[in-house]
Amino acid sequence: MTQTAPLDIATAFTKAWTGHDLEKAASYVADDVVFDGPMQQSTGKKPYLEGLTKLSQDVTGVRMIAAFGDDHQALLERFTF
């Protein structure tokens, strides 16, 4: 069984939510997700997606600045507007 690289997953997730395809974005989120960001702290998929839905309503675009990854982790630097 082949695995998808973390960078591919992170990029696809970011493209989905910034493109307002929250159903697709949700498919990348684990049920037990823990998120700690500057505007939201949440535990669990439902609360995280509720916050992401609110945020995505304000996003009109995204500019990817940098993307790095290996077999275990990924880092995306982006600017949303």
PDB file of N, CA and C in Angstrom:
ATOM      1  N   MET A   1       0.839  -1.174   0.000  1.00  0.00           N
ATOM      2  CA  MET A   1       0.000   0.000   0.000  1.00  0.00           C
ATOM      3  C   MET A   1       0.889   1.244   0.000  1.00  0.00           C
ATOM      4  N   THR A   2       0.637   2.158  -0.890  1.00  0.00           N
ATOM      5  CA  THR A   2       1.425   3.382  -0.940  1.00  0.00           C
ATOM      6  C   THR A   2       0.796   4.431  -0.032  1.00  0.00           C
ATOM      7  N   GLN A   3       1.648   5.274   0.515  1.00  0.00           N
ATOM      8  CA  GLN A   3       1.180   6.351   1.365  1.00  0.00           C
ATOM      9  C   GLN A   3       1.386   7.676   0.654  1.00  0.00           C
ATOM     10  N   THR A   4       0.511   8.612   0.932  1.00  0.00           N
ATOM     11  CA  THR A   4       0.641   9.947   0.376  1.00  0.00           C
ATOM     12  C   THR A   4       1.603  10.743   1.249  1.00  0.00           C
ATOM     13  N   ALA A   5       2.512  11.453   0.625  1.00  0.00           N
ATOM     14  CA  ALA A   5       3.499  12.252   1.352  1.00  0.00           C
ATOM     15  C   ALA A   5       2.803  13.365   2.141  1.00  0.00           C
ATOM     16  N   PRO A   6       3.288  13.660   3.351  1.00  0.00           N
ATOM     17  CA  PRO A   6       2.692  14.716   4.159  1.00  0.00           C
ATOM     18  C   PRO A   6       2.583  16.058   3.427  1.00  0.00           C
ATOM     19  N   LEU A   7       3.573  16.403   2.623  1.00  0.00           N
ATOM     20  CA  LEU A   7       3.516  17.666   1.896  1.00  0.00           C
ATOM     21  C   LEU A   7       2.366  17.674   0.896  1.00  0.00           C
ATOM     22  N   ASP A   8       2.122  16.553   0.235  1.00  0.00           N
ATOM     23  CA  ASP A   8       1.000  16.468  -0.703  1.00  0.00           C
ATOM     24  C   ASP A   8      -0.330  16.627   0.028  1.00  0.00           C
ATOM     25  N   ILE A   9      -0.441  16.018   1.202  1.00  0.00           N
ATOM     26  CA  ILE A   9      -1.670  16.126   1.995  1.00  0.00           C
ATOM     27  C   ILE A   9      -1.872  17.563   2.466  1.00  0.00           C
ATOM     28  N   ALA A  10      -0.833  18.173   3.007  1.00  0.00           N
ATOM     29  CA  ALA A  10      -0.940  19.545   3.507  1.00  0.00           C
ATOM     30  C   ALA A  10      -1.294  20.519   2.389  1.00  0.00           C
ATOM     31  N   THR A  11      -0.700  20.340   1.231  1.00  0.00           N
ATOM     32  CA  THR A  11      -0.987  21.209   0.089  1.00  0.00           C
ATOM     33  C   THR A  11      -2.422  21.024  -0.387  1.00  0.00           C
ATOM     34  N   ALA A  12      -2.873  19.784  -0.498  1.00  0.00           N
ATOM     35  CA  ALA A  12      -4.245  19.511  -0.943  1.00  0.00           C
ATOM     36  C   ALA A  12      -5.259  20.066   0.056  1.00  0.00           C
ATOM     37  N   PHE A  13      -4.995  19.901   1.343  1.00  0.00           N
ATOM     38  CA  PHE A  13      -5.878  20.431   2.377  1.00  0.00           C
ATOM     39  C   PHE A  13      -5.975  21.951   2.273  1.00  0.00           C
ATOM     40  N   THR A  14      -4.832  22.614   2.143  1.00  0.00           N
ATOM     41  CA  THR A  14      -4.817  24.075   2.056  1.00  0.00           C
ATOM     42  C   THR A  14      -5.546  24.560   0.812  1.00  0.00           C
ATOM     43  N   LYS A  15      -5.316  23.914  -0.311  1.00  0.00           N
ATOM     44  CA  LYS A  15      -6.021  24.295  -1.542  1.00  0.00           C
ATOM     45  C   LYS A  15      -7.523  24.096  -1.396  1.00  0.00           C
ATOM     46  N   ALA A  16      -7.930  23.037  -0.700  1.00  0.00           N
ATOM     47  CA  ALA A  16      -9.360  22.766  -0.526  1.00  0.00           C
ATOM     48  C   ALA A  16     -10.025  23.847   0.327  1.00  0.00           C
ATOM     49  N   TRP A  17      -9.471  24.141   1.504  1.00  0.00           N
ATOM     50  CA  TRP A  17     -10.178  25.095   2.360  1.00  0.00           C
ATOM     51  C   TRP A  17     -10.079  26.523   1.855  1.00  0.00           C
ATOM     52  N   THR A  18      -8.950  26.898   1.251  1.00  0.00           N
ATOM     53  CA  THR A  18      -8.859  28.259   0.711  1.00  0.00           C
ATOM     54  C   THR A  18      -9.662  28.401  -0.572  1.00  0.00           C
ATOM     55  N   GLY A  19      -9.990  27.279  -1.209  1.00  0.00           N
ATOM     56  CA  GLY A  19     -10.870  27.279  -2.377  1.00  0.00           C
ATOM     57  C   GLY A  19     -12.325  27.076  -2.002  1.00  0.00           C
ATOM     58  N   HIS A  20     -12.619  27.119  -0.694  1.00  0.00           N
ATOM     59  CA  HIS A  20     -13.975  27.008  -0.153  1.00  0.00           C
ATOM     60  C   HIS A  20     -14.613  25.648  -0.406  1.00  0.00           C
ATOM     61  N   ASP A  21     -13.803  24.609  -0.546  1.00  0.00           N
ATOM     62  CA  ASP A  21     -14.308  23.238  -0.665  1.00  0.00           C
ATOM     63  C   ASP A  21     -14.107  22.562   0.693  1.00  0.00           C
ATOM     64  N   LEU A  22     -14.970  22.921   1.637  1.00  0.00           N
ATOM     65  CA  LEU A  22     -14.788  22.459   3.008  1.00  0.00           C
ATOM     66  C   LEU A  22     -15.081  20.978   3.170  1.00  0.00           C
ATOM     67  N   GLU A  23     -15.906  20.421   2.319  1.00  0.00           N
ATOM     68  CA  GLU A  23     -16.148  18.980   2.382  1.00  0.00           C
ATOM     69  C   GLU A  23     -14.864  18.217   2.057  1.00  0.00           C
ATOM     70  N   LYS A  24     -14.166  18.669   1.027  1.00  0.00           N
ATOM     71  CA  LYS A  24     -12.900  18.027   0.680  1.00  0.00           C
ATOM     72  C   LYS A  24     -11.860  18.275   1.771  1.00  0.00           C
ATOM     73  N   ALA A  25     -11.798  19.498   2.277  1.00  0.00           N
ATOM     74  CA  ALA A  25     -10.847  19.808   3.348  1.00  0.00           C
ATOM     75  C   ALA A  25     -11.089  18.906   4.553  1.00  0.00           C
ATOM     76  N   ALA A  26     -12.346  18.675   4.886  1.00  0.00           N
ATOM     77  CA  ALA A  26     -12.692  17.839   6.042  1.00  0.00           C
ATOM     78  C   ALA A  26     -12.182  16.414   5.885  1.00  0.00           C
ATOM     79  N   SER A  27     -12.065  15.960   4.654  1.00  0.00           N
ATOM     80  CA  SER A  27     -11.611  14.582   4.429  1.00  0.00           C
ATOM     81  C   SER A  27     -10.145  14.386   4.833  1.00  0.00           C
ATOM     82  N   TYR A  28      -9.415  15.470   5.013  1.00  0.00           N
ATOM     83  CA  TYR A  28      -8.006  15.391   5.408  1.00  0.00           C
ATOM     84  C   TYR A  28      -7.809  15.531   6.921  1.00  0.00           C
ATOM     85  N   VAL A  29      -8.873  15.811   7.655  1.00  0.00           N
ATOM     86  CA  VAL A  29      -8.772  16.114   9.083  1.00  0.00           C
ATOM     87  C   VAL A  29      -9.105  14.881   9.920  1.00  0.00           C
ATOM     88  N   ALA A  30      -8.241  14.571  10.881  1.00  0.00           N
ATOM     89  CA  ALA A  30      -8.464  13.434  11.786  1.00  0.00           C
ATOM     90  C   ALA A  30      -9.561  13.765  12.798  1.00  0.00           C
ATOM     91  N   ASP A  31     -10.288  12.752  13.226  1.00  0.00           N
ATOM     92  CA  ASP A  31     -11.350  12.943  14.217  1.00  0.00           C
ATOM     93  C   ASP A  31     -10.823  13.533  15.517  1.00  0.00           C
ATOM     94  N   ASP A  32      -9.589  13.210  15.883  1.00  0.00           N
ATOM     95  CA  ASP A  32      -9.017  13.672  17.150  1.00  0.00           C
ATOM     96  C   ASP A  32      -8.025  14.825  16.968  1.00  0.00           C
ATOM     97  N   VAL A  33      -8.232  15.635  15.935  1.00  0.00           N
ATOM     98  CA  VAL A  33      -7.335  16.754  15.659  1.00  0.00           C
ATOM     99  C   VAL A  33      -7.276  17.701  16.863  1.00  0.00           C
ATOM    100  N   VAL A  34      -6.081  18.210  17.133  1.00  0.00           N
ATOM    101  CA  VAL A  34      -5.875  19.250  18.140  1.00  0.00           C
ATOM    102  C   VAL A  34      -5.240  20.418  17.408  1.00  0.00           C
ATOM    103  N   PHE A  35      -5.876  21.584  17.482  1.00  0.00           N
ATOM    104  CA  PHE A  35      -5.385  22.763  16.773  1.00  0.00           C
ATOM    105  C   PHE A  35      -5.180  23.890  17.773  1.00  0.00           C
ATOM    106  N   ASP A  36      -4.027  24.541  17.684  1.00  0.00           N
ATOM    107  CA  ASP A  36      -3.711  25.672  18.545  1.00  0.00           C
ATOM    108  C   ASP A  36      -3.137  26.769  17.672  1.00  0.00           C
ATOM    109  N   GLY A  37      -3.989  27.682  17.255  1.00  0.00           N
ATOM    110  CA  GLY A  37      -3.576  28.763  16.375  1.00  0.00           C
ATOM    111  C   GLY A  37      -3.846  30.111  17.017  1.00  0.00           C
ATOM    112  N   PRO A  38      -3.452  31.193  16.360  1.00  0.00           N
ATOM    113  CA  PRO A  38      -3.611  32.516  16.948  1.00  0.00           C
ATOM    114  C   PRO A  38      -5.066  32.953  17.108  1.00  0.00           C
ATOM    115  N   MET A  39      -5.967  32.395  16.307  1.00  0.00           N
ATOM    116  CA  MET A  39      -7.365  32.815  16.375  1.00  0.00           C
ATOM    117  C   MET A  39      -8.304  31.704  16.839  1.00  0.00           C
ATOM    118  N   GLN A  40      -7.780  30.513  17.051  1.00  0.00           N
ATOM    119  CA  GLN A  40      -8.634  29.393  17.434  1.00  0.00           C
ATOM    120  C   GLN A  40      -7.813  28.323  18.142  1.00  0.00           C
ATOM    121  N   GLN A  41      -8.403  27.772  19.182  1.00  0.00           N
ATOM    122  CA  GLN A  41      -7.882  26.579  19.831  1.00  0.00           C
ATOM    123  C   GLN A  41      -9.052  25.602  19.877  1.00  0.00           C
ATOM    124  N   SER A  42      -8.831  24.382  19.409  1.00  0.00           N
ATOM    125  CA  SER A  42      -9.921  23.410  19.404  1.00  0.00           C
ATOM    126  C   SER A  42      -9.373  21.998  19.489  1.00  0.00           C
ATOM    127  N   THR A  43     -10.227  21.116  19.984  1.00  0.00           N
ATOM    128  CA  THR A  43      -9.930  19.694  20.043  1.00  0.00           C
ATOM    129  C   THR A  43     -11.112  18.960  19.430  1.00  0.00           C
ATOM    130  N   GLY A  44     -10.840  18.132  18.449  1.00  0.00           N
ATOM    131  CA  GLY A  44     -11.883  17.379  17.766  1.00  0.00           C
ATOM    132  C   GLY A  44     -12.196  17.960  16.400  1.00  0.00           C
ATOM    133  N   LYS A  45     -12.629  17.088  15.514  1.00  0.00           N
ATOM    134  CA  LYS A  45     -12.873  17.466  14.123  1.00  0.00           C
ATOM    135  C   LYS A  45     -13.986  18.505  13.982  1.00  0.00           C
ATOM    136  N   LYS A  46     -15.111  18.292  14.664  1.00  0.00           N
ATOM    137  CA  LYS A  46     -16.243  19.205  14.507  1.00  0.00           C
ATOM    138  C   LYS A  46     -15.903  20.636  14.927  1.00  0.00           C
ATOM    139  N   PRO A  47     -15.348  20.855  16.132  1.00  0.00           N
ATOM    140  CA  PRO A  47     -15.005  22.229  16.506  1.00  0.00           C
ATOM    141  C   PRO A  47     -13.953  22.855  15.585  1.00  0.00           C
ATOM    142  N   TYR A  48     -12.995  22.048  15.166  1.00  0.00           N
ATOM    143  CA  TYR A  48     -11.968  22.573  14.261  1.00  0.00           C
ATOM    144  C   TYR A  48     -12.590  23.029  12.948  1.00  0.00           C
ATOM    145  N   LEU A  49     -13.470  22.196  12.378  1.00  0.00           N
ATOM    146  CA  LEU A  49     -14.086  22.545  11.097  1.00  0.00           C
ATOM    147  C   LEU A  49     -15.042  23.728  11.222  1.00  0.00           C
ATOM    148  N   GLU A  50     -15.677  23.888  12.370  1.00  0.00           N
ATOM    149  CA  GLU A  50     -16.523  25.068  12.582  1.00  0.00           C
ATOM    150  C   GLU A  50     -15.679  26.336  12.519  1.00  0.00           C
ATOM    151  N   GLY A  51     -14.521  26.321  13.158  1.00  0.00           N
ATOM    152  CA  GLY A  51     -13.618  27.468  13.102  1.00  0.00           C
ATOM    153  C   GLY A  51     -13.069  27.696  11.711  1.00  0.00           C
ATOM    154  N   LEU A  52     -12.735  26.619  11.031  1.00  0.00           N
ATOM    155  CA  LEU A  52     -12.206  26.723   9.671  1.00  0.00           C
ATOM    156  C   LEU A  52     -13.264  27.282   8.725  1.00  0.00           C
ATOM    157  N   THR A  53     -14.512  26.894   8.929  1.00  0.00           N
ATOM    158  CA  THR A  53     -15.609  27.407   8.103  1.00  0.00           C
ATOM    159  C   THR A  53     -15.732  28.915   8.265  1.00  0.00           C
ATOM    160  N   LYS A  54     -15.676  29.393   9.509  1.00  0.00           N
ATOM    161  CA  LYS A  54     -15.746  30.837   9.756  1.00  0.00           C
ATOM    162  C   LYS A  54     -14.572  31.559   9.099  1.00  0.00           C
ATOM    163  N   LEU A  55     -13.383  31.011   9.262  1.00  0.00           N
ATOM    164  CA  LEU A  55     -12.197  31.628   8.670  1.00  0.00           C
ATOM    165  C   LEU A  55     -12.289  31.656   7.148  1.00  0.00           C
ATOM    166  N   SER A  56     -12.726  30.567   6.555  1.00  0.00           N
ATOM    167  CA  SER A  56     -12.749  30.484   5.091  1.00  0.00           C
ATOM    168  C   SER A  56     -13.717  31.485   4.476  1.00  0.00           C
ATOM    169  N   GLN A  57     -14.721  31.907   5.236  1.00  0.00           N
ATOM    170  CA  GLN A  57     -15.668  32.898   4.721  1.00  0.00           C
ATOM    171  C   GLN A  57     -14.997  34.247   4.493  1.00  0.00           C
ATOM    172  N   ASP A  58     -13.919  34.504   5.212  1.00  0.00           N
ATOM    173  CA  ASP A  58     -13.196  35.769   5.080  1.00  0.00           C
ATOM    174  C   ASP A  58     -12.044  35.705   4.083  1.00  0.00           C
ATOM    175  N   VAL A  59     -11.694  34.506   3.635  1.00  0.00           N
ATOM    176  CA  VAL A  59     -10.549  34.333   2.740  1.00  0.00           C
ATOM    177  C   VAL A  59     -10.992  34.520   1.291  1.00  0.00           C
ATOM    178  N   THR A  60     -10.340  35.457   0.617  1.00  0.00           N
ATOM    179  CA  THR A  60     -10.627  35.664  -0.805  1.00  0.00           C
ATOM    180  C   THR A  60      -9.510  35.140  -1.697  1.00  0.00           C
ATOM    181  N   GLY A  61      -8.377  34.816  -1.094  1.00  0.00           N
ATOM    182  CA  GLY A  61      -7.267  34.285  -1.879  1.00  0.00           C
ATOM    183  C   GLY A  61      -6.150  33.794  -0.982  1.00  0.00           C
ATOM    184  N   VAL A  62      -5.205  33.123  -1.600  1.00  0.00           N
ATOM    185  CA  VAL A  62      -4.054  32.612  -0.862  1.00  0.00           C
ATOM    186  C   VAL A  62      -2.824  32.709  -1.750  1.00  0.00           C
ATOM    187  N   ARG A  63      -1.705  33.044  -1.132  1.00  0.00           N
ATOM    188  CA  ARG A  63      -0.433  33.041  -1.850  1.00  0.00           C
ATOM    189  C   ARG A  63       0.498  32.105  -1.105  1.00  0.00           C
ATOM    190  N   MET A  64       0.897  31.050  -1.770  1.00  0.00           N
ATOM    191  CA  MET A  64       1.835  30.108  -1.172  1.00  0.00           C
ATOM    192  C   MET A  64       3.234  30.725  -1.240  1.00  0.00           C
ATOM    193  N   ILE A  65       3.899  30.788  -0.123  1.00  0.00           N
ATOM    194  CA  ILE A  65       5.224  31.382  -0.047  1.00  0.00           C
ATOM    195  C   ILE A  65       6.306  30.312  -0.116  1.00  0.00           C
ATOM    196  N   ALA A  66       6.129  29.237   0.654  1.00  0.00           N
ATOM    197  CA  ALA A  66       7.114  28.154   0.665  1.00  0.00           C
ATOM    198  C   ALA A  66       6.443  26.869   1.128  1.00  0.00           C
ATOM    199  N   ALA A  67       7.004  25.747   0.699  1.00  0.00           N
ATOM    200  CA  ALA A  67       6.499  24.437   1.116  1.00  0.00           C
ATOM    201  C   ALA A  67       7.680  23.483   1.236  1.00  0.00           C
ATOM    202  N   PHE A  68       7.750  22.809   2.363  1.00  0.00           N
ATOM    203  CA  PHE A  68       8.823  21.852   2.623  1.00  0.00           C
ATOM    204  C   PHE A  68       8.216  20.589   3.214  1.00  0.00           C
ATOM    205  N   GLY A  69       8.840  19.452   2.956  1.00  0.00           N
ATOM    206  CA  GLY A  69       8.339  18.232   3.567  1.00  0.00           C
ATOM    207  C   GLY A  69       9.278  17.062   3.367  1.00  0.00           C
ATOM    208  N   ASP A  70       9.062  16.030   4.184  1.00  0.00           N
ATOM    209  CA  ASP A  70       9.781  14.774   4.035  1.00  0.00           C
ATOM    210  C   ASP A  70       8.774  13.645   4.253  1.00  0.00           C
ATOM    211  N   ASP A  71       9.241  12.480   4.611  1.00  0.00           N
ATOM    212  CA  ASP A  71       8.342  11.336   4.773  1.00  0.00           C
ATOM    213  C   ASP A  71       7.445  11.423   6.002  1.00  0.00           C
ATOM    214  N   HIS A  72       7.727  12.364   6.914  1.00  0.00           N
ATOM    215  CA  HIS A  72       7.010  12.387   8.184  1.00  0.00           C
ATOM    216  C   HIS A  72       6.333  13.709   8.522  1.00  0.00           C
ATOM    217  N   GLN A  73       6.704  14.781   7.858  1.00  0.00           N
ATOM    218  CA  GLN A  73       6.169  16.084   8.236  1.00  0.00           C
ATOM    219  C   GLN A  73       6.150  17.036   7.052  1.00  0.00           C
ATOM    220  N   ALA A  74       5.374  18.107   7.229  1.00  0.00           N
ATOM    221  CA  ALA A  74       5.278  19.122   6.177  1.00  0.00           C
ATOM    222  C   ALA A  74       5.139  20.493   6.818  1.00  0.00           C
ATOM    223  N   LEU A  75       5.603  21.493   6.101  1.00  0.00           N
ATOM    224  CA  LEU A  75       5.474  22.874   6.536  1.00  0.00           C
ATOM    225  C   LEU A  75       5.078  23.706   5.324  1.00  0.00           C
ATOM    226  N   LEU A  76       3.965  24.417   5.451  1.00  0.00           N
ATOM    227  CA  LEU A  76       3.537  25.337   4.403  1.00  0.00           C
ATOM    228  C   LEU A  76       3.551  26.740   4.982  1.00  0.00           C
ATOM    229  N   GLU A  77       4.130  27.658   4.255  1.00  0.00           N
ATOM    230  CA  GLU A  77       4.047  29.059   4.630  1.00  0.00           C
ATOM    231  C   GLU A  77       3.177  29.719   3.584  1.00  0.00           C
ATOM    232  N   ARG A  78       2.120  30.369   4.057  1.00  0.00           N
ATOM    233  CA  ARG A  78       1.158  30.951   3.132  1.00  0.00           C
ATOM    234  C   ARG A  78       0.687  32.292   3.659  1.00  0.00           C
ATOM    235  N   PHE A  79       0.168  33.075   2.756  1.00  0.00           N
ATOM    236  CA  PHE A  79      -0.453  34.344   3.107  1.00  0.00           C
ATOM    237  C   PHE A  79      -1.873  34.282   2.587  1.00  0.00           C
ATOM    238  N   THR A  80      -2.849  34.412   3.479  1.00  0.00           N
ATOM    239  CA  THR A  80      -4.244  34.426   3.045  1.00  0.00           C
ATOM    240  C   THR A  80      -4.761  35.850   3.114  1.00  0.00           C
ATOM    241  N   PHE A  81      -5.625  36.164   2.185  1.00  0.00           N
ATOM    242  CA  PHE A  81      -6.213  37.508   2.162  1.00  0.00           C
ATOM    243  C   PHE A  81      -7.657  37.421   1.752  1.00  0.00           C
TER     244      PHE A  81
END
